[in-house]
Amino acid sequence: MIRRVLSVMFLAWAIGFLVFAVTLPRPVSGTTTDAVIVPTGGAGRIARGLEVLDQGLAAKMLVSGVDPEVKPGEFAAEFGVTPERMECCITLGFSAVDTRSNAAETAKWVAQNEIRSLRLVTTDWHMRRTASELDRTLPDYVTVVRDAVPSQPDFGTLFLEYHKLLASRAAGLADL
């Protein structure tokens, strides 16, 4: 009996992992939102967020989880952002240290800026967990558009992220 239960659990885990790995979220285009949210940590995320601003698909951007030692001028220089664009449109968030605190930092910024729709820009393998954390943290009236940055994750990255997603969902169920 225990062997069957463990076999079914393993099969469910393996199928879940396979689905997770082969159906990574994709980029979106043309959708306009009030703001774009970019958690730090993956190649191409900030560049994609700035591209969204440049295309007029969002008016403001929060970069969540910026290292506290990074100065706005350094950020602007590294990403070719004008001082005017930094002043009007880009907020650097320094309080987040992980995906859950990215969601908390985002929720606070969304409330302060009266945001009703946002575009989440993060790496394809990171999207499901980040969006799940935001869904738990943001008010129901905030629409989240998922805009994944394509990557070529290795098996280890997918394996680790799948387990983080499972743990995050289990924690979400425990909060109910």
C-alpha atoms as a PDB file:
ATOM      1  CA  MET A   1       0.000   0.000   0.000  1.00  0.00           C
ATOM      2  CA  ILE A   2       2.729   2.474   0.956  1.00  0.00           C
ATOM      3  CA  ARG A   3       4.669   1.547  -2.161  1.00  0.00           C
ATOM      4  CA  ARG A   4       1.642   2.394  -4.342  1.00  0.00           C
ATOM      5  CA  VAL A   5       1.091   5.716  -2.610  1.00  0.00           C
ATOM      6  CA  LEU A   6       4.760   6.625  -3.025  1.00  0.00           C
ATOM      7  CA  SER A   7       4.677   5.529  -6.667  1.00  0.00           C
ATOM      8  CA  VAL A   8       1.639   7.710  -7.362  1.00  0.00           C
ATOM      9  CA  MET A   9       3.255  10.649  -5.563  1.00  0.00           C
ATOM     10  CA  PHE A  10       6.466  10.221  -7.560  1.00  0.00           C
ATOM     11  CA  LEU A  11       4.522   9.961 -10.820  1.00  0.00           C
ATOM     12  CA  ALA A  12       2.565  13.150 -10.000  1.00  0.00           C
ATOM     13  CA  TRP A  13       5.818  14.946  -9.117  1.00  0.00           C
ATOM     14  CA  ALA A  14       7.538  13.760 -12.343  1.00  0.00           C
ATOM     15  CA  ILE A  15       4.611  14.740 -14.575  1.00  0.00           C
ATOM     16  CA  GLY A  16       4.384  18.102 -12.809  1.00  0.00           C
ATOM     17  CA  PHE A  17       8.084  18.729 -13.331  1.00  0.00           C
ATOM     18  CA  LEU A  18       7.870  17.766 -16.998  1.00  0.00           C
ATOM     19  CA  VAL A  19       4.918  20.097 -17.582  1.00  0.00           C
ATOM     20  CA  PHE A  20       6.729  22.871 -15.678  1.00  0.00           C
ATOM     21  CA  ALA A  21       9.890  22.455 -17.774  1.00  0.00           C
ATOM     22  CA  VAL A  22       8.315  22.238 -21.235  1.00  0.00           C
ATOM     23  CA  THR A  23       5.632  24.913 -20.840  1.00  0.00           C
ATOM     24  CA  LEU A  24       7.671  27.878 -19.672  1.00  0.00           C
ATOM     25  CA  PRO A  25       5.777  31.185 -19.944  1.00  0.00           C
ATOM     26  CA  ARG A  26       6.375  33.352 -23.017  1.00  0.00           C
ATOM     27  CA  PRO A  27       6.783  37.081 -23.641  1.00  0.00           C
ATOM     28  CA  VAL A  28       3.737  39.214 -24.405  1.00  0.00           C
ATOM     29  CA  SER A  29       3.528  42.227 -26.647  1.00  0.00           C
ATOM     30  CA  GLY A  30       1.221  45.130 -27.208  1.00  0.00           C
ATOM     31  CA  THR A  31      -0.526  45.061 -23.830  1.00  0.00           C
ATOM     32  CA  THR A  32      -0.572  48.399 -22.007  1.00  0.00           C
ATOM     33  CA  THR A  33      -0.486  48.567 -18.205  1.00  0.00           C
ATOM     34  CA  ASP A  34      -0.100  51.324 -15.625  1.00  0.00           C
ATOM     35  CA  ALA A  35       3.313  50.052 -14.563  1.00  0.00           C
ATOM     36  CA  VAL A  36       5.983  47.437 -15.104  1.00  0.00           C
ATOM     37  CA  ILE A  37       7.527  45.490 -12.225  1.00  0.00           C
ATOM     38  CA  VAL A  38      10.980  43.953 -12.588  1.00  0.00           C
ATOM     39  CA  PRO A  39      12.447  41.803  -9.806  1.00  0.00           C
ATOM     40  CA  THR A  40      16.240  41.801 -10.021  1.00  0.00           C
ATOM     41  CA  GLY A  41      18.221  38.637 -10.445  1.00  0.00           C
ATOM     42  CA  GLY A  42      18.080  37.476 -14.051  1.00  0.00           C
ATOM     43  CA  ALA A  43      19.686  38.500 -17.300  1.00  0.00           C
ATOM     44  CA  GLY A  44      17.525  40.595 -19.592  1.00  0.00           C
ATOM     45  CA  ARG A  45      14.877  41.526 -17.037  1.00  0.00           C
ATOM     46  CA  ILE A  46      15.769  45.193 -16.571  1.00  0.00           C
ATOM     47  CA  ALA A  47      16.434  45.673 -20.292  1.00  0.00           C
ATOM     48  CA  ARG A  48      12.969  44.247 -21.052  1.00  0.00           C
ATOM     49  CA  GLY A  49      11.359  46.521 -18.457  1.00  0.00           C
ATOM     50  CA  LEU A  50      13.042  49.562 -19.984  1.00  0.00           C
ATOM     51  CA  GLU A  51      11.909  48.425 -23.428  1.00  0.00           C
ATOM     52  CA  VAL A  52       8.308  48.332 -22.145  1.00  0.00           C
ATOM     53  CA  LEU A  53       8.701  51.931 -20.924  1.00  0.00           C
ATOM     54  CA  ASP A  54      10.299  53.027 -24.201  1.00  0.00           C
ATOM     55  CA  GLN A  55       7.420  51.507 -26.179  1.00  0.00           C
ATOM     56  CA  GLY A  56       4.897  53.407 -24.062  1.00  0.00           C
ATOM     57  CA  LEU A  57       3.342  50.183 -22.772  1.00  0.00           C
ATOM     58  CA  ALA A  58       3.686  51.403 -19.158  1.00  0.00           C
ATOM     59  CA  ALA A  59       4.257  54.794 -17.573  1.00  0.00           C
ATOM     60  CA  LYS A  60       6.218  53.740 -14.470  1.00  0.00           C
ATOM     61  CA  MET A  61       8.622  51.006 -13.488  1.00  0.00           C
ATOM     62  CA  LEU A  62       9.614  49.467 -10.163  1.00  0.00           C
ATOM     63  CA  VAL A  63      12.860  47.540 -10.044  1.00  0.00           C
ATOM     64  CA  SER A  64      12.451  45.420  -6.924  1.00  0.00           C
ATOM     65  CA  GLY A  65      15.278  43.938  -4.909  1.00  0.00           C
ATOM     66  CA  VAL A  66      18.047  46.354  -5.907  1.00  0.00           C
ATOM     67  CA  ASP A  67      21.234  46.008  -3.859  1.00  0.00           C
ATOM     68  CA  PRO A  68      21.249  48.828  -1.268  1.00  0.00           C
ATOM     69  CA  GLU A  69      24.748  49.837  -2.368  1.00  0.00           C
ATOM     70  CA  VAL A  70      23.552  50.678  -5.906  1.00  0.00           C
ATOM     71  CA  LYS A  71      23.016  54.413  -6.391  1.00  0.00           C
ATOM     72  CA  PRO A  72      20.369  55.663  -8.837  1.00  0.00           C
ATOM     73  CA  GLY A  73      23.069  57.372 -10.911  1.00  0.00           C
ATOM     74  CA  GLU A  74      24.980  54.091 -11.202  1.00  0.00           C
ATOM     75  CA  PHE A  75      21.815  52.291 -12.277  1.00  0.00           C
ATOM     76  CA  ALA A  76      21.084  55.012 -14.853  1.00  0.00           C
ATOM     77  CA  ALA A  77      24.619  54.858 -16.242  1.00  0.00           C
ATOM     78  CA  GLU A  78      24.647  51.067 -16.476  1.00  0.00           C
ATOM     79  CA  PHE A  79      21.334  50.900 -18.348  1.00  0.00           C
ATOM     80  CA  GLY A  80      21.554  54.145 -20.357  1.00  0.00           C
ATOM     81  CA  VAL A  81      18.656  55.839 -18.561  1.00  0.00           C
ATOM     82  CA  THR A  82      18.425  59.640 -18.649  1.00  0.00           C
ATOM     83  CA  PRO A  83      18.114  61.557 -15.363  1.00  0.00           C
ATOM     84  CA  GLU A  84      14.683  62.750 -16.493  1.00  0.00           C
ATOM     85  CA  ARG A  85      13.493  59.168 -17.062  1.00  0.00           C
ATOM     86  CA  MET A  86      14.854  58.133 -13.649  1.00  0.00           C
ATOM     87  CA  GLU A  87      13.068  61.049 -11.975  1.00  0.00           C
ATOM     88  CA  CYS A  88       9.675  60.605 -13.605  1.00  0.00           C
ATOM     89  CA  CYS A  89       9.324  56.957 -14.213  1.00  0.00           C
ATOM     90  CA  ILE A  90      11.707  54.563 -12.443  1.00  0.00           C
ATOM     91  CA  THR A  91      11.692  53.590  -8.786  1.00  0.00           C
ATOM     92  CA  LEU A  92      14.460  51.468  -7.344  1.00  0.00           C
ATOM     93  CA  GLY A  93      13.227  49.251  -4.528  1.00  0.00           C
ATOM     94  CA  PHE A  94      15.859  48.323  -1.988  1.00  0.00           C
ATOM     95  CA  SER A  95      13.929  46.320   0.622  1.00  0.00           C
ATOM     96  CA  ALA A  96      13.359  42.978  -1.154  1.00  0.00           C
ATOM     97  CA  VAL A  97      15.805  40.109  -0.762  1.00  0.00           C
ATOM     98  CA  ASP A  98      13.797  37.223  -2.246  1.00  0.00           C
ATOM     99  CA  THR A  99      10.704  36.510  -4.317  1.00  0.00           C
ATOM    100  CA  ARG A 100       8.286  36.781  -1.401  1.00  0.00           C
ATOM    101  CA  SER A 101       9.697  40.156  -0.326  1.00  0.00           C
ATOM    102  CA  ASN A 102       9.645  41.281  -4.000  1.00  0.00           C
ATOM    103  CA  ALA A 103       5.880  40.739  -3.845  1.00  0.00           C
ATOM    104  CA  ALA A 104       5.588  42.690  -0.578  1.00  0.00           C
ATOM    105  CA  GLU A 105       7.698  45.545  -1.933  1.00  0.00           C
ATOM    106  CA  THR A 106       5.606  45.564  -5.114  1.00  0.00           C
ATOM    107  CA  ALA A 107       2.307  45.604  -3.191  1.00  0.00           C
ATOM    108  CA  LYS A 108       3.433  48.598  -1.148  1.00  0.00           C
ATOM    109  CA  TRP A 109       4.577  50.485  -4.275  1.00  0.00           C
ATOM    110  CA  VAL A 110       1.356  49.609  -6.132  1.00  0.00           C
ATOM    111  CA  ALA A 111      -0.724  51.039  -3.270  1.00  0.00           C
ATOM    112  CA  GLN A 112       1.393  54.200  -3.028  1.00  0.00           C
ATOM    113  CA  ASN A 113       1.136  54.813  -6.785  1.00  0.00           C
ATOM    114  CA  GLU A 114      -2.529  53.821  -7.233  1.00  0.00           C
ATOM    115  CA  ILE A 115      -1.651  51.172  -9.807  1.00  0.00           C
ATOM    116  CA  ARG A 116      -4.516  49.082 -11.173  1.00  0.00           C
ATOM    117  CA  SER A 117      -2.613  47.074 -13.792  1.00  0.00           C
ATOM    118  CA  LEU A 118       0.982  45.976 -13.994  1.00  0.00           C
ATOM    119  CA  ARG A 119       3.248  44.000 -16.260  1.00  0.00           C
ATOM    120  CA  LEU A 120       5.461  41.528 -14.441  1.00  0.00           C
ATOM    121  CA  VAL A 121       8.775  41.096 -16.233  1.00  0.00           C
ATOM    122  CA  THR A 122      10.907  38.221 -15.024  1.00  0.00           C
ATOM    123  CA  THR A 123      12.719  35.212 -16.422  1.00  0.00           C
ATOM    124  CA  ASP A 124      10.531  32.459 -17.906  1.00  0.00           C
ATOM    125  CA  TRP A 125      11.495  29.852 -15.294  1.00  0.00           C
ATOM    126  CA  HIS A 126      10.842  32.352 -12.451  1.00  0.00           C
ATOM    127  CA  MET A 127       7.482  33.658 -13.702  1.00  0.00           C
ATOM    128  CA  ARG A 128       5.076  31.166 -12.135  1.00  0.00           C
ATOM    129  CA  ARG A 129       6.420  31.542  -8.610  1.00  0.00           C
ATOM    130  CA  THR A 130       6.715  35.328  -8.826  1.00  0.00           C
ATOM    131  CA  ALA A 131       3.202  35.680 -10.229  1.00  0.00           C
ATOM    132  CA  SER A 132       1.868  33.333  -7.551  1.00  0.00           C
ATOM    133  CA  GLU A 133       3.438  35.451  -4.801  1.00  0.00           C
ATOM    134  CA  LEU A 134       1.991  38.611  -6.373  1.00  0.00           C
ATOM    135  CA  ASP A 135      -1.452  37.017  -6.647  1.00  0.00           C
ATOM    136  CA  ARG A 136      -1.376  36.355  -2.893  1.00  0.00           C
ATOM    137  CA  THR A 137      -0.080  39.836  -2.036  1.00  0.00           C
ATOM    138  CA  LEU A 138      -1.824  42.278  -4.381  1.00  0.00           C
ATOM    139  CA  PRO A 139      -5.446  43.393  -4.050  1.00  0.00           C
ATOM    140  CA  ASP A 140      -7.908  41.595  -6.346  1.00  0.00           C
ATOM    141  CA  TYR A 141      -8.517  44.725  -8.435  1.00  0.00           C
ATOM    142  CA  VAL A 142      -4.890  44.799  -9.686  1.00  0.00           C
ATOM    143  CA  THR A 143      -4.451  43.051 -13.032  1.00  0.00           C
ATOM    144  CA  VAL A 144      -1.087  41.345 -13.596  1.00  0.00           C
ATOM    145  CA  VAL A 145       0.152  40.710 -17.144  1.00  0.00           C
ATOM    146  CA  ARG A 146       2.933  38.110 -17.276  1.00  0.00           C
ATOM    147  CA  ASP A 147       5.757  39.050 -19.647  1.00  0.00           C
ATOM    148  CA  ALA A 148       8.436  36.369 -19.477  1.00  0.00           C
ATOM    149  CA  VAL A 149      12.021  36.941 -20.556  1.00  0.00           C
ATOM    150  CA  PRO A 150      13.100  33.846 -22.531  1.00  0.00           C
ATOM    151  CA  SER A 151      16.156  31.999 -21.263  1.00  0.00           C
ATOM    152  CA  GLN A 152      17.934  28.717 -21.664  1.00  0.00           C
ATOM    153  CA  PRO A 153      17.741  27.312 -18.124  1.00  0.00           C
ATOM    154  CA  ASP A 154      19.739  24.230 -17.302  1.00  0.00           C
ATOM    155  CA  PHE A 155      18.264  21.187 -15.570  1.00  0.00           C
ATOM    156  CA  GLY A 156      19.513  22.329 -12.155  1.00  0.00           C
ATOM    157  CA  THR A 157      17.813  25.718 -12.437  1.00  0.00           C
ATOM    158  CA  LEU A 158      14.516  24.114 -13.489  1.00  0.00           C
ATOM    159  CA  PHE A 159      14.756  21.453 -10.779  1.00  0.00           C
ATOM    160  CA  LEU A 160      15.410  24.011  -8.037  1.00  0.00           C
ATOM    161  CA  GLU A 161      12.739  26.445  -9.260  1.00  0.00           C
ATOM    162  CA  TYR A 162      10.123  23.695  -9.528  1.00  0.00           C
ATOM    163  CA  HIS A 163      10.707  22.794  -5.886  1.00  0.00           C
ATOM    164  CA  LYS A 164      10.622  26.444  -4.830  1.00  0.00           C
ATOM    165  CA  LEU A 165       7.293  26.774  -6.651  1.00  0.00           C
ATOM    166  CA  LEU A 166       5.908  23.706  -4.857  1.00  0.00           C
ATOM    167  CA  ALA A 167       7.086  25.078  -1.494  1.00  0.00           C
ATOM    168  CA  SER A 168       5.605  28.490  -2.270  1.00  0.00           C
ATOM    169  CA  ARG A 169       2.249  26.977  -3.185  1.00  0.00           C
ATOM    170  CA  ALA A 170       2.288  24.814  -0.048  1.00  0.00           C
ATOM    171  CA  ALA A 171       3.003  27.908   2.049  1.00  0.00           C
ATOM    172  CA  GLY A 172       0.123  29.676   0.311  1.00  0.00           C
ATOM    173  CA  LEU A 173      -2.214  26.813   1.198  1.00  0.00           C
ATOM    174  CA  ALA A 174      -1.033  26.934   4.791  1.00  0.00           C
ATOM    175  CA  ASP A 175      -1.916  30.636   4.913  1.00  0.00           C
ATOM    176  CA  LEU A 176      -5.575  29.890   4.062  1.00  0.00           C
END
